[in-house]
N, C-alpha and C. Protein backbone atom coordinates (compact mmCIF):
# COMPACT_ATOMS: atom_id res chain seq x y z
N MET A 1 -2.80 -34.87 0.87
CA MET A 1 -1.66 -33.95 0.69
C MET A 1 -1.07 -33.62 2.03
N PRO A 2 0.24 -33.82 2.27
CA PRO A 2 0.73 -33.53 3.46
C PRO A 2 0.64 -32.10 3.99
N PRO A 3 0.44 -31.89 5.31
CA PRO A 3 0.37 -30.51 5.75
C PRO A 3 1.69 -29.72 5.70
N THR A 4 1.66 -28.45 5.69
CA THR A 4 2.93 -27.64 5.75
C THR A 4 3.35 -27.81 7.24
N LEU A 5 4.72 -28.04 7.27
CA LEU A 5 5.38 -28.35 8.57
C LEU A 5 6.13 -26.95 8.97
N ALA A 6 5.93 -26.61 10.17
CA ALA A 6 6.52 -25.32 10.57
C ALA A 6 8.07 -25.51 10.70
N PRO A 7 8.82 -24.55 10.75
CA PRO A 7 10.41 -24.78 10.84
C PRO A 7 10.69 -25.27 12.35
N ALA A 8 11.63 -25.99 12.40
CA ALA A 8 12.03 -26.48 13.67
C ALA A 8 13.65 -26.44 13.81
N ALA A 9 14.18 -26.90 14.89
CA ALA A 9 15.72 -26.79 15.06
C ALA A 9 16.35 -27.49 13.89
N SER A 10 17.05 -26.96 13.27
CA SER A 10 17.87 -27.66 11.98
C SER A 10 17.04 -27.95 10.78
N ARG A 11 15.74 -27.46 10.78
CA ARG A 11 14.85 -27.85 9.59
C ARG A 11 14.07 -26.61 9.12
N ALA A 12 14.23 -26.31 7.90
CA ALA A 12 13.43 -25.27 7.38
C ALA A 12 11.95 -25.69 7.16
N ILE A 13 11.25 -24.64 7.00
CA ILE A 13 9.69 -24.90 6.78
C ILE A 13 9.58 -25.97 5.62
N ARG A 14 8.63 -26.79 5.75
CA ARG A 14 8.40 -27.82 4.67
C ARG A 14 6.99 -27.69 4.08
N VAL A 15 6.91 -27.22 2.79
CA VAL A 15 5.59 -26.98 2.14
C VAL A 15 5.55 -28.04 0.92
N GLU A 16 4.46 -28.60 0.89
CA GLU A 16 4.15 -29.63 -0.18
C GLU A 16 4.19 -28.89 -1.54
N HIS A 17 4.83 -29.30 -2.57
CA HIS A 17 4.94 -28.87 -3.77
C HIS A 17 3.77 -28.83 -4.70
N GLU A 18 2.75 -29.73 -4.42
CA GLU A 18 1.61 -29.79 -5.12
C GLU A 18 0.48 -29.22 -4.14
N TYR A 19 -0.43 -28.42 -4.61
CA TYR A 19 -1.32 -27.80 -3.86
C TYR A 19 -2.60 -27.59 -4.74
N ALA A 20 -3.76 -27.35 -3.90
CA ALA A 20 -5.01 -27.10 -4.63
C ALA A 20 -5.30 -25.67 -4.43
N ARG A 21 -5.51 -24.93 -5.61
CA ARG A 21 -5.88 -23.51 -5.48
C ARG A 21 -7.22 -23.32 -4.94
N CYS A 22 -7.39 -22.49 -3.99
CA CYS A 22 -8.58 -22.12 -3.41
C CYS A 22 -9.12 -20.81 -3.91
N GLY A 23 -8.81 -20.15 -4.87
CA GLY A 23 -9.08 -19.00 -5.43
C GLY A 23 -8.25 -17.87 -4.97
N ALA A 24 -8.64 -16.60 -5.15
CA ALA A 24 -7.95 -15.42 -4.75
C ALA A 24 -8.81 -14.61 -4.09
N LEU A 25 -8.26 -13.60 -3.20
CA LEU A 25 -8.86 -12.65 -2.58
C LEU A 25 -8.12 -11.36 -2.83
N GLN A 26 -8.91 -10.33 -2.90
CA GLN A 26 -8.38 -8.94 -3.17
C GLN A 26 -8.47 -8.10 -1.99
N TYR A 27 -7.40 -7.58 -1.44
CA TYR A 27 -7.46 -6.61 -0.31
C TYR A 27 -7.12 -5.23 -0.84
N LEU A 28 -8.15 -4.44 -0.61
CA LEU A 28 -7.96 -3.08 -1.03
C LEU A 28 -7.78 -2.23 0.25
N ALA A 29 -6.86 -1.23 0.23
CA ALA A 29 -6.68 -0.46 1.46
C ALA A 29 -6.30 0.91 1.05
N ALA A 30 -6.72 1.88 1.92
CA ALA A 30 -6.20 3.22 1.98
C ALA A 30 -5.41 3.38 3.24
N TRP A 31 -4.53 4.45 3.20
CA TRP A 31 -3.50 4.64 4.19
C TRP A 31 -3.69 5.99 4.70
N ASP A 32 -4.00 6.35 5.94
CA ASP A 32 -4.09 7.53 6.64
C ASP A 32 -2.67 8.02 7.07
N VAL A 33 -2.04 8.89 6.33
CA VAL A 33 -0.60 9.12 6.80
C VAL A 33 -0.53 9.73 8.10
N HIS A 34 -1.61 10.47 8.64
CA HIS A 34 -1.45 11.27 9.81
C HIS A 34 -1.69 10.39 11.01
N LEU A 35 -2.43 9.20 10.86
CA LEU A 35 -2.72 8.37 11.96
C LEU A 35 -1.88 6.98 11.77
N ALA A 36 -1.25 6.89 10.62
CA ALA A 36 -0.52 5.65 10.28
C ALA A 36 -1.47 4.47 10.52
N GLU A 37 -2.69 4.60 9.73
CA GLU A 37 -3.68 3.70 9.87
C GLU A 37 -4.18 3.12 8.51
N PRO A 38 -4.28 1.86 8.46
CA PRO A 38 -4.85 1.34 7.18
C PRO A 38 -6.29 1.21 7.29
N LEU A 39 -6.97 1.54 6.23
CA LEU A 39 -8.53 1.36 6.15
C LEU A 39 -8.82 0.37 4.97
N GLY A 40 -9.19 -0.79 5.27
CA GLY A 40 -9.09 -1.71 4.14
C GLY A 40 -10.30 -2.60 4.19
N ARG A 41 -10.52 -3.31 3.12
CA ARG A 41 -11.73 -4.26 2.96
C ARG A 41 -11.12 -5.36 1.85
N CYS A 42 -11.89 -6.55 2.17
CA CYS A 42 -11.47 -7.66 1.15
C CYS A 42 -12.64 -7.79 0.13
N GLU A 43 -12.24 -8.12 -1.12
CA GLU A 43 -13.15 -8.24 -2.17
C GLU A 43 -12.84 -9.43 -3.08
N GLU A 44 -13.91 -9.87 -3.78
CA GLU A 44 -13.70 -11.07 -4.60
C GLU A 44 -12.77 -10.61 -5.76
N HIS A 45 -12.91 -9.44 -6.29
CA HIS A 45 -12.33 -9.00 -7.55
C HIS A 45 -11.90 -7.47 -7.31
N THR A 46 -10.85 -7.15 -8.12
CA THR A 46 -10.49 -5.76 -8.14
C THR A 46 -10.93 -5.12 -9.38
N ALA A 47 -11.59 -4.08 -9.33
CA ALA A 47 -12.09 -3.32 -10.43
C ALA A 47 -12.62 -1.98 -10.04
N ILE A 48 -13.35 -1.24 -10.82
CA ILE A 48 -13.64 0.23 -10.47
C ILE A 48 -14.74 -0.02 -9.41
N ALA A 49 -15.65 -0.88 -9.43
CA ALA A 49 -16.73 -0.89 -8.37
C ALA A 49 -16.13 -1.26 -7.04
N PRO A 50 -15.47 -2.33 -6.87
CA PRO A 50 -14.78 -2.50 -5.58
C PRO A 50 -13.83 -1.47 -5.05
N PHE A 51 -13.03 -0.82 -5.92
CA PHE A 51 -12.29 0.43 -5.45
C PHE A 51 -13.23 1.56 -5.04
N GLY A 52 -14.29 1.80 -5.87
CA GLY A 52 -15.35 2.79 -5.46
C GLY A 52 -15.97 2.47 -4.03
N ARG A 53 -16.13 1.28 -3.74
CA ARG A 53 -16.67 0.76 -2.28
C ARG A 53 -15.61 1.19 -1.31
N LEU A 54 -14.37 0.93 -1.57
CA LEU A 54 -13.37 1.36 -0.49
C LEU A 54 -13.27 2.87 -0.45
N VAL A 55 -13.42 3.52 -1.49
CA VAL A 55 -13.36 5.07 -1.41
C VAL A 55 -14.65 5.46 -0.64
N GLY A 56 -15.79 5.01 -1.06
CA GLY A 56 -17.09 5.40 -0.35
C GLY A 56 -16.93 4.98 1.17
N ASP A 57 -16.40 3.88 1.62
CA ASP A 57 -16.23 3.57 3.10
C ASP A 57 -15.45 4.68 3.74
N VAL A 58 -14.35 5.01 3.07
CA VAL A 58 -13.44 5.95 3.69
C VAL A 58 -14.07 7.25 3.74
N MET A 59 -14.43 7.78 2.57
CA MET A 59 -14.99 9.28 2.60
C MET A 59 -16.30 9.43 3.32
N ALA A 60 -17.10 8.34 3.65
CA ALA A 60 -18.25 8.48 4.54
C ALA A 60 -17.99 8.74 6.06
N GLN A 61 -16.78 8.43 6.44
CA GLN A 61 -16.38 8.56 7.89
C GLN A 61 -15.65 9.79 8.17
N GLU A 62 -15.61 10.23 9.40
CA GLU A 62 -14.79 11.46 9.83
C GLU A 62 -13.34 10.95 10.12
N PRO A 63 -12.41 11.89 9.84
CA PRO A 63 -12.54 13.21 9.62
C PRO A 63 -12.65 13.37 8.04
N TYR A 64 -12.67 12.41 7.20
CA TYR A 64 -12.62 12.63 5.76
C TYR A 64 -13.93 13.26 5.27
N ALA A 65 -15.11 12.88 5.74
CA ALA A 65 -16.28 13.35 5.14
C ALA A 65 -16.39 14.91 5.28
N SER A 66 -16.00 15.36 6.19
CA SER A 66 -15.98 16.96 6.43
C SER A 66 -14.75 17.78 6.25
N ALA A 67 -13.59 16.98 5.75
CA ALA A 67 -12.43 17.58 5.57
C ALA A 67 -12.45 18.56 4.33
N ARG A 68 -11.73 19.60 4.33
CA ARG A 68 -11.67 20.51 3.24
C ARG A 68 -11.16 19.80 1.94
N ARG A 69 -10.04 18.99 2.08
CA ARG A 69 -9.45 18.21 1.06
C ARG A 69 -9.03 16.96 1.63
N VAL A 70 -9.10 15.87 0.76
CA VAL A 70 -8.68 14.66 1.20
C VAL A 70 -7.84 14.08 -0.04
N PHE A 71 -6.46 13.91 0.10
CA PHE A 71 -5.65 13.51 -1.02
C PHE A 71 -5.46 12.06 -1.03
N TRP A 72 -5.81 11.38 -2.17
CA TRP A 72 -5.67 9.98 -2.35
C TRP A 72 -4.47 9.79 -3.33
N VAL A 73 -3.39 9.30 -2.84
CA VAL A 73 -2.32 8.98 -3.66
C VAL A 73 -2.48 7.51 -4.15
N VAL A 74 -2.42 7.26 -5.44
CA VAL A 74 -2.75 5.90 -6.01
C VAL A 74 -1.72 5.49 -7.07
N ASP A 75 -1.63 4.29 -7.24
CA ASP A 75 -0.74 3.86 -8.33
C ASP A 75 -1.46 3.97 -9.54
N ASN A 76 -1.06 3.25 -10.73
CA ASN A 76 -1.81 3.38 -11.91
C ASN A 76 -2.51 2.16 -12.21
N GLY A 77 -3.10 1.45 -11.13
CA GLY A 77 -3.88 0.31 -11.35
C GLY A 77 -5.03 0.60 -12.16
N PRO A 78 -5.62 -0.37 -12.90
CA PRO A 78 -6.81 -0.26 -13.78
C PRO A 78 -8.04 0.39 -13.17
N SER A 79 -8.25 0.23 -11.80
CA SER A 79 -9.44 0.59 -11.25
C SER A 79 -9.40 2.13 -10.86
N HIS A 80 -8.12 2.87 -11.01
CA HIS A 80 -8.00 4.18 -10.60
C HIS A 80 -7.02 4.84 -11.62
N ARG A 81 -6.93 4.47 -12.86
CA ARG A 81 -5.91 4.99 -13.77
C ARG A 81 -6.47 6.09 -14.70
N GLY A 82 -5.80 7.05 -14.82
CA GLY A 82 -6.06 8.03 -15.84
C GLY A 82 -7.11 9.19 -15.48
N GLU A 83 -7.30 9.96 -16.33
CA GLU A 83 -8.18 11.21 -16.20
C GLU A 83 -9.65 10.82 -15.85
N SER A 84 -10.16 9.68 -16.41
CA SER A 84 -11.58 9.38 -16.19
C SER A 84 -11.61 9.07 -14.62
N SER A 85 -10.67 8.36 -14.05
CA SER A 85 -10.73 8.02 -12.67
C SER A 85 -10.87 9.43 -11.79
N ILE A 86 -10.00 10.26 -12.24
CA ILE A 86 -10.12 11.64 -11.52
C ILE A 86 -11.48 12.31 -11.60
N VAL A 87 -12.02 12.24 -12.87
CA VAL A 87 -13.32 12.84 -13.01
C VAL A 87 -14.29 12.09 -12.18
N ARG A 88 -14.25 10.78 -12.24
CA ARG A 88 -15.31 9.94 -11.49
C ARG A 88 -15.39 10.19 -10.05
N LEU A 89 -14.14 10.13 -9.49
CA LEU A 89 -13.90 10.29 -7.94
C LEU A 89 -14.03 11.67 -7.45
N GLU A 90 -13.58 12.66 -8.20
CA GLU A 90 -13.64 14.02 -7.76
C GLU A 90 -15.24 14.59 -8.02
N THR A 91 -15.78 14.11 -8.79
CA THR A 91 -17.11 14.33 -9.04
C THR A 91 -18.05 13.74 -7.85
N SER A 92 -17.78 12.69 -7.59
CA SER A 92 -18.56 11.89 -6.55
C SER A 92 -18.24 12.51 -5.09
N TYR A 93 -16.97 12.86 -4.91
CA TYR A 93 -16.49 13.40 -3.56
C TYR A 93 -15.73 14.75 -3.83
N PRO A 94 -16.55 15.89 -3.75
CA PRO A 94 -15.90 17.23 -4.17
C PRO A 94 -14.56 17.61 -3.37
N ASN A 95 -14.45 16.79 -2.16
CA ASN A 95 -13.22 17.24 -1.34
C ASN A 95 -12.12 16.22 -1.58
N LEU A 96 -12.38 15.35 -2.48
CA LEU A 96 -11.28 14.36 -2.81
C LEU A 96 -10.40 14.87 -3.89
N ARG A 97 -9.04 14.72 -3.79
CA ARG A 97 -7.98 15.02 -4.86
C ARG A 97 -7.21 13.74 -5.06
N LEU A 98 -7.35 13.17 -6.34
CA LEU A 98 -6.76 12.05 -6.72
C LEU A 98 -5.36 12.39 -7.28
N ILE A 99 -4.37 11.75 -6.80
CA ILE A 99 -2.85 12.07 -7.14
C ILE A 99 -2.26 10.76 -7.69
N HIS A 100 -1.91 10.52 -8.90
CA HIS A 100 -1.36 9.34 -9.39
C HIS A 100 0.22 9.51 -9.22
N CYS A 101 0.73 8.45 -8.73
CA CYS A 101 2.28 8.33 -8.57
C CYS A 101 2.79 8.09 -9.99
N PRO A 102 4.03 8.50 -10.24
CA PRO A 102 4.64 8.17 -11.47
C PRO A 102 4.68 6.70 -11.60
N VAL A 103 4.66 6.20 -12.79
CA VAL A 103 4.73 4.79 -13.16
C VAL A 103 6.25 4.24 -12.44
N HIS A 104 6.12 3.06 -11.85
CA HIS A 104 7.25 2.42 -11.35
C HIS A 104 7.83 3.11 -10.13
N SER A 105 6.99 3.84 -9.44
CA SER A 105 7.43 4.47 -8.17
C SER A 105 6.51 4.14 -7.04
N SER A 106 6.12 2.96 -6.91
CA SER A 106 5.09 2.52 -5.88
C SER A 106 5.73 2.77 -4.50
N TRP A 107 6.91 2.88 -4.35
CA TRP A 107 7.66 3.20 -3.13
C TRP A 107 7.32 4.60 -2.51
N LEU A 108 6.77 5.40 -3.41
CA LEU A 108 6.29 6.72 -2.98
C LEU A 108 4.90 6.69 -2.18
N ASN A 109 4.23 5.70 -2.40
CA ASN A 109 2.92 5.47 -1.89
C ASN A 109 2.94 4.75 -0.61
N GLN A 110 2.54 5.32 0.55
CA GLN A 110 2.66 4.64 1.88
C GLN A 110 1.88 3.44 1.88
N ALA A 111 0.59 3.36 1.24
CA ALA A 111 -0.10 2.18 1.22
C ALA A 111 0.63 1.10 0.74
N GLU A 112 1.32 1.26 -0.43
CA GLU A 112 2.17 0.22 -1.05
C GLU A 112 3.32 -0.39 0.02
N VAL A 113 3.83 0.58 0.87
CA VAL A 113 4.73 0.17 1.90
C VAL A 113 4.04 -0.79 2.88
N TYR A 114 2.76 -0.49 3.28
CA TYR A 114 2.06 -1.23 4.13
C TYR A 114 1.76 -2.51 3.61
N PHE A 115 1.39 -2.76 2.31
CA PHE A 115 1.18 -3.91 1.56
C PHE A 115 2.50 -4.73 1.67
N SER A 116 3.57 -4.11 1.49
CA SER A 116 4.78 -4.84 1.60
C SER A 116 5.01 -5.58 2.92
N VAL A 117 4.65 -4.90 4.04
CA VAL A 117 4.69 -5.30 5.45
C VAL A 117 3.69 -6.43 5.54
N LEU A 118 2.53 -6.21 5.02
CA LEU A 118 1.59 -7.36 5.12
C LEU A 118 1.98 -8.61 4.48
N GLN A 119 2.60 -8.48 3.26
CA GLN A 119 3.02 -9.56 2.51
C GLN A 119 4.00 -10.35 3.27
N ARG A 120 5.09 -9.73 3.76
CA ARG A 120 6.16 -10.47 4.55
C ARG A 120 5.60 -11.03 5.80
N LYS A 121 4.77 -10.34 6.50
CA LYS A 121 4.45 -10.68 7.90
C LYS A 121 3.22 -11.67 7.94
N VAL A 122 2.27 -11.52 7.03
CA VAL A 122 1.04 -12.22 7.13
C VAL A 122 0.80 -13.19 6.06
N LEU A 123 1.25 -13.01 4.73
CA LEU A 123 0.84 -13.95 3.63
C LEU A 123 1.97 -14.84 3.31
N THR A 124 2.99 -14.63 3.83
CA THR A 124 4.24 -15.65 3.53
C THR A 124 4.58 -16.42 4.81
N PRO A 125 4.50 -17.76 4.81
CA PRO A 125 4.28 -18.59 3.64
C PRO A 125 2.72 -18.70 3.35
N ASN A 126 2.31 -18.91 2.27
CA ASN A 126 1.09 -19.21 1.80
C ASN A 126 0.47 -20.53 2.22
N ASP A 127 0.07 -20.65 3.48
CA ASP A 127 -0.39 -21.83 4.09
C ASP A 127 -1.82 -21.78 4.62
N PHE A 128 -2.64 -21.14 3.81
CA PHE A 128 -4.02 -21.03 4.17
C PHE A 128 -4.84 -22.21 3.76
N THR A 129 -6.04 -22.53 4.53
CA THR A 129 -6.74 -23.65 4.01
C THR A 129 -7.92 -23.11 3.20
N ASP A 130 -8.33 -21.94 3.27
CA ASP A 130 -9.35 -21.33 2.53
C ASP A 130 -9.23 -19.93 2.44
N LEU A 131 -10.21 -19.32 1.66
CA LEU A 131 -10.20 -17.71 1.51
C LEU A 131 -10.69 -17.13 2.80
N ASP A 132 -11.50 -17.80 3.57
CA ASP A 132 -11.95 -17.12 4.83
C ASP A 132 -10.88 -17.04 5.72
N ALA A 133 -9.86 -17.94 5.78
CA ALA A 133 -8.74 -18.00 6.58
C ALA A 133 -7.83 -16.68 6.19
N VAL A 134 -7.71 -16.63 4.90
CA VAL A 134 -6.95 -15.35 4.54
C VAL A 134 -7.56 -14.10 4.95
N GLU A 135 -8.87 -13.93 4.57
CA GLU A 135 -9.41 -12.76 5.01
C GLU A 135 -9.36 -12.44 6.61
N ARG A 136 -9.54 -13.49 7.27
CA ARG A 136 -9.46 -13.35 8.75
C ARG A 136 -8.07 -12.70 9.23
N ARG A 137 -7.02 -13.49 8.56
CA ARG A 137 -5.62 -13.03 8.91
C ARG A 137 -5.33 -11.71 8.49
N VAL A 138 -5.71 -11.26 7.29
CA VAL A 138 -5.41 -10.12 6.79
C VAL A 138 -6.11 -8.97 7.64
N LEU A 139 -7.48 -9.16 7.90
CA LEU A 139 -8.12 -8.13 8.79
C LEU A 139 -7.71 -8.07 10.09
N ASP A 140 -7.40 -9.24 10.74
CA ASP A 140 -6.77 -9.20 12.08
C ASP A 140 -5.51 -8.41 12.07
N PHE A 141 -4.58 -8.61 11.01
CA PHE A 141 -3.29 -7.91 11.04
C PHE A 141 -3.62 -6.42 10.98
N GLN A 142 -4.65 -6.09 9.92
CA GLN A 142 -4.99 -4.67 9.94
C GLN A 142 -5.38 -4.01 11.30
N ALA A 143 -6.20 -4.73 12.03
CA ALA A 143 -6.64 -4.24 13.35
C ALA A 143 -5.31 -4.10 14.36
N ARG A 144 -4.51 -5.04 14.29
CA ARG A 144 -3.35 -5.02 15.10
C ARG A 144 -2.36 -3.83 14.62
N TYR A 145 -2.23 -3.66 13.38
CA TYR A 145 -1.37 -2.71 12.77
C TYR A 145 -1.93 -1.23 13.23
N GLU A 146 -3.19 -1.18 13.26
CA GLU A 146 -3.85 0.25 13.61
C GLU A 146 -3.58 0.53 15.08
N GLU A 147 -3.40 -0.56 15.92
CA GLU A 147 -3.11 -0.39 17.42
C GLU A 147 -1.57 0.01 17.61
N ALA A 148 -0.81 -0.59 16.81
CA ALA A 148 0.72 -0.44 17.05
C ALA A 148 1.40 0.58 16.23
N ALA A 149 1.05 0.92 15.04
CA ALA A 149 1.71 1.64 14.14
C ALA A 149 1.62 3.20 14.71
N ARG A 150 2.72 3.99 14.45
CA ARG A 150 2.78 5.37 14.66
C ARG A 150 3.05 6.10 13.37
N PRO A 151 2.62 7.38 13.25
CA PRO A 151 2.92 8.14 11.98
C PRO A 151 4.46 8.29 11.85
N PHE A 152 4.76 8.31 10.68
CA PHE A 152 6.29 8.64 10.39
C PHE A 152 6.52 10.03 10.51
N GLN A 153 7.48 10.33 11.31
CA GLN A 153 7.93 11.75 11.58
C GLN A 153 9.14 12.13 10.56
N TRP A 154 8.57 12.98 9.50
CA TRP A 154 9.64 13.42 8.48
C TRP A 154 10.60 14.39 9.05
N LYS A 155 11.82 14.08 8.84
CA LYS A 155 12.90 14.93 9.22
C LYS A 155 13.69 15.54 8.23
N PHE A 156 13.46 15.12 6.97
CA PHE A 156 14.15 15.62 5.80
C PHE A 156 13.33 16.85 5.33
N THR A 157 13.98 17.95 5.15
CA THR A 157 13.26 19.14 4.96
C THR A 157 13.69 19.56 3.50
N LYS A 158 13.04 20.68 3.04
CA LYS A 158 13.25 21.20 1.75
C LYS A 158 14.56 21.70 1.65
N GLU A 159 15.05 22.30 2.74
CA GLU A 159 16.54 22.82 2.87
C GLU A 159 17.42 21.68 2.80
N ASP A 160 17.23 20.58 3.45
CA ASP A 160 18.14 19.37 3.28
C ASP A 160 18.05 18.99 1.76
N LEU A 161 16.95 18.88 1.14
CA LEU A 161 16.86 18.44 -0.29
C LEU A 161 17.77 19.46 -1.02
N ARG A 162 17.59 20.78 -0.80
CA ARG A 162 18.33 21.70 -1.68
C ARG A 162 19.79 21.51 -1.44
N ARG A 163 20.26 21.28 -0.17
CA ARG A 163 21.72 21.02 0.04
C ARG A 163 22.22 19.78 -0.62
N LEU A 164 21.46 18.78 -0.68
CA LEU A 164 21.71 17.47 -1.24
C LEU A 164 21.88 17.74 -2.74
N MET A 165 20.98 18.36 -3.30
CA MET A 165 20.93 18.66 -4.80
C MET A 165 22.11 19.33 -5.21
N GLU A 166 22.55 20.36 -4.34
CA GLU A 166 23.69 21.17 -4.59
C GLU A 166 24.92 20.30 -4.63
N ARG A 167 25.16 19.50 -3.62
CA ARG A 167 26.19 18.62 -3.46
C ARG A 167 26.27 17.60 -4.73
N LEU A 168 25.20 17.12 -5.05
CA LEU A 168 25.27 16.12 -6.19
C LEU A 168 25.50 16.94 -7.61
N ARG A 169 25.12 18.09 -7.77
CA ARG A 169 25.47 18.97 -8.85
C ARG A 169 26.94 19.24 -8.89
N GLU A 170 27.47 19.61 -7.70
CA GLU A 170 28.94 19.90 -7.64
C GLU A 170 29.83 18.61 -7.95
N LYS A 171 29.23 17.54 -7.39
CA LYS A 171 30.00 16.18 -7.63
C LYS A 171 30.03 15.88 -9.19
N GLU A 172 28.80 16.00 -9.83
CA GLU A 172 28.70 15.75 -11.24
C GLU A 172 29.71 16.67 -11.99
N GLU A 173 29.68 17.97 -11.69
CA GLU A 173 30.53 18.92 -12.41
C GLU A 173 32.03 18.53 -12.16
N ARG A 174 32.39 18.13 -11.00
CA ARG A 174 33.79 17.76 -10.85
C ARG A 174 34.18 16.42 -11.70
N ALA A 175 33.21 15.52 -11.93
CA ALA A 175 33.34 14.37 -12.58
C ALA A 175 33.60 14.70 -14.20
N LEU A 176 33.04 15.79 -14.64
CA LEU A 176 33.04 16.29 -15.98
C LEU A 176 34.36 16.95 -16.37
N VAL A 177 34.96 17.33 -15.28
CA VAL A 177 36.21 18.14 -15.80
C VAL A 177 37.32 17.13 -15.98
N PRO A 178 38.09 17.24 -17.16
CA PRO A 178 39.08 16.33 -17.55
C PRO A 178 40.37 16.40 -16.63
N ALA A 179 40.89 15.20 -16.41
CA ALA A 179 42.03 15.20 -15.58
C ALA A 179 43.30 15.87 -16.18
N ALA A 180 44.08 16.63 -15.49
CA ALA A 180 45.28 17.28 -16.03
C ALA A 180 46.42 16.53 -16.22
């Protein structure tokens, strides 16, 4: 099978259309919003146990181990969906609070934003020779991201939101008034 050819002057990347699947690797990560830092691990599968190992890794280290509360914002993936996941994790870690994002709103979860960056910068194109190469590249990127990333400085306040909502309400009311 011919190798993938990098893009060159006047030529796009060339990828062989036939390939051998080498399996899949799961990258599970938590995101510390205060430090802009991913905390991740690679696993063969995604399920309750691998997710539990990630949570255990994070919650065992400082500042999370001794924090009064640690909020985990999660999507509704099968390894952390529903009330049973809340009971399981909050029983194991009394300072942990599990928060589920609404369905179809992964953009609210900053770990998902990080996964999007990882996908674009590291995993595309998919030109890996084996799963070890994938794991090395993912974890190397995580380490580099930890060094370079800075916390997001929110500038949009509750007052800004109140004003925006008022403007939207007024615009909607104007649209409902029949033309004379």
